Amino acid sequence: MAEIKAATDDTFEALVLNNDKPVVVDFWAAWCGPCKMVAPEMEKLAAKYDGVVDVVKVDVDANPRRVGLCRGHHASWRAQRSRAH
């Protein structure tokens, strides 16, 4: 099965921003019910696109700096990443 990588504030740039492949980022929290419902779908995505797309999870409670930097910019950033690949 494909690996879902866990990014932190310190590893986000290497795993996501500087990745050669497209990346799906799951911002999640242990207390979040919908996040738990999405987790199996993220695993399916990782398996289906193994080697083509990386799936990365970010625990929003443990990595507040990264979440703060991404807030409000995610839609345009996703579009730019899509065009680049």
Protein backbone atom coordinates (compact mmCIF):
# COMPACT_ATOMS: atom_id res chain seq x y z
CA MET A 1 0.00 0.00 0.00
CA ALA A 2 1.15 3.56 -0.69
CA GLU A 3 2.56 5.61 2.13
CA ILE A 4 0.79 8.74 3.33
CA LYS A 5 3.51 11.01 4.60
CA ALA A 6 3.05 13.20 7.67
CA ALA A 7 4.32 16.73 7.19
CA THR A 8 5.25 19.06 10.02
CA ASP A 9 5.97 22.77 10.10
CA ASP A 10 9.61 21.82 9.50
CA THR A 11 9.09 19.28 6.69
CA PHE A 12 6.16 20.84 4.78
CA GLU A 13 8.34 22.75 2.35
CA ALA A 14 10.34 19.66 1.36
CA LEU A 15 7.37 17.27 1.20
CA VAL A 16 4.89 19.63 -0.48
CA LEU A 17 6.29 22.85 -1.91
CA ASN A 18 9.50 21.39 -3.33
CA ASN A 19 8.05 18.04 -4.39
CA ASP A 20 8.58 17.07 -8.03
CA LYS A 21 5.15 15.39 -8.12
CA PRO A 22 1.68 16.84 -7.58
CA VAL A 23 0.66 16.65 -3.92
CA VAL A 24 -2.69 16.24 -2.18
CA VAL A 25 -2.50 17.75 1.31
CA ASP A 26 -4.94 16.67 4.01
CA PHE A 27 -5.11 19.20 6.86
CA TRP A 28 -6.65 17.19 9.69
CA ALA A 29 -7.16 17.07 13.47
CA ALA A 30 -7.70 14.14 15.83
CA TRP A 31 -10.89 15.73 17.21
CA CYS A 32 -12.40 16.32 13.74
CA GLY A 33 -15.17 13.86 12.83
CA PRO A 34 -15.22 14.73 9.10
CA CYS A 35 -11.42 14.33 9.01
CA LYS A 36 -11.82 10.77 10.27
CA MET A 37 -14.41 10.11 7.56
CA VAL A 38 -12.07 11.41 4.85
CA ALA A 39 -9.04 9.39 6.02
CA PRO A 40 -10.01 6.14 4.21
CA GLU A 41 -10.56 8.09 0.99
CA MET A 42 -7.11 9.64 1.32
CA GLU A 43 -5.68 6.14 1.68
CA LYS A 44 -7.50 5.09 -1.51
CA LEU A 45 -6.11 8.12 -3.36
CA ALA A 46 -2.59 7.32 -2.17
CA ALA A 47 -2.91 3.72 -3.35
CA LYS A 48 -4.52 4.59 -6.69
CA TYR A 49 -1.96 7.25 -7.60
CA ASP A 50 1.09 5.68 -5.93
CA GLY A 51 4.23 6.92 -7.63
CA VAL A 52 2.34 9.64 -9.54
CA VAL A 53 0.90 11.82 -6.76
CA ASP A 54 2.03 12.11 -3.15
CA VAL A 55 -0.54 12.31 -0.37
CA VAL A 56 0.60 14.26 2.68
CA LYS A 57 -1.21 14.82 5.99
CA VAL A 58 -0.73 17.80 8.29
CA ASP A 59 -1.99 17.67 11.88
CA VAL A 60 -3.32 21.21 12.31
CA ASP A 61 -3.03 21.14 16.11
CA ALA A 62 0.61 20.03 16.09
CA ASN A 63 1.62 22.35 13.22
CA PRO A 64 -0.08 25.71 13.71
CA ARG A 65 2.61 27.70 11.90
CA ARG A 66 2.05 25.90 8.59
CA VAL A 67 -1.72 26.09 8.86
CA GLY A 68 -1.54 29.82 9.50
CA LEU A 69 0.63 30.34 6.42
CA CYS A 70 -1.72 28.34 4.19
CA ARG A 71 -4.99 29.83 5.44
CA GLY A 72 -6.60 32.03 2.81
CA HIS A 73 -4.13 31.11 0.10
CA HIS A 74 -5.00 27.48 -0.57
CA ALA A 75 -7.28 27.92 -3.59
CA SER A 76 -4.83 30.01 -5.61
CA TRP A 77 -1.88 27.87 -4.52
CA ARG A 78 -3.66 24.69 -5.65
CA ALA A 79 -4.40 26.23 -9.04
CA GLN A 80 -0.78 27.29 -9.48
CA ARG A 81 0.52 23.85 -8.52
CA SER A 82 -1.92 22.23 -10.95
CA ARG A 83 -0.75 24.38 -13.84
CA ALA A 84 2.88 23.73 -13.02
CA HIS A 85 2.41 19.97 -13.36
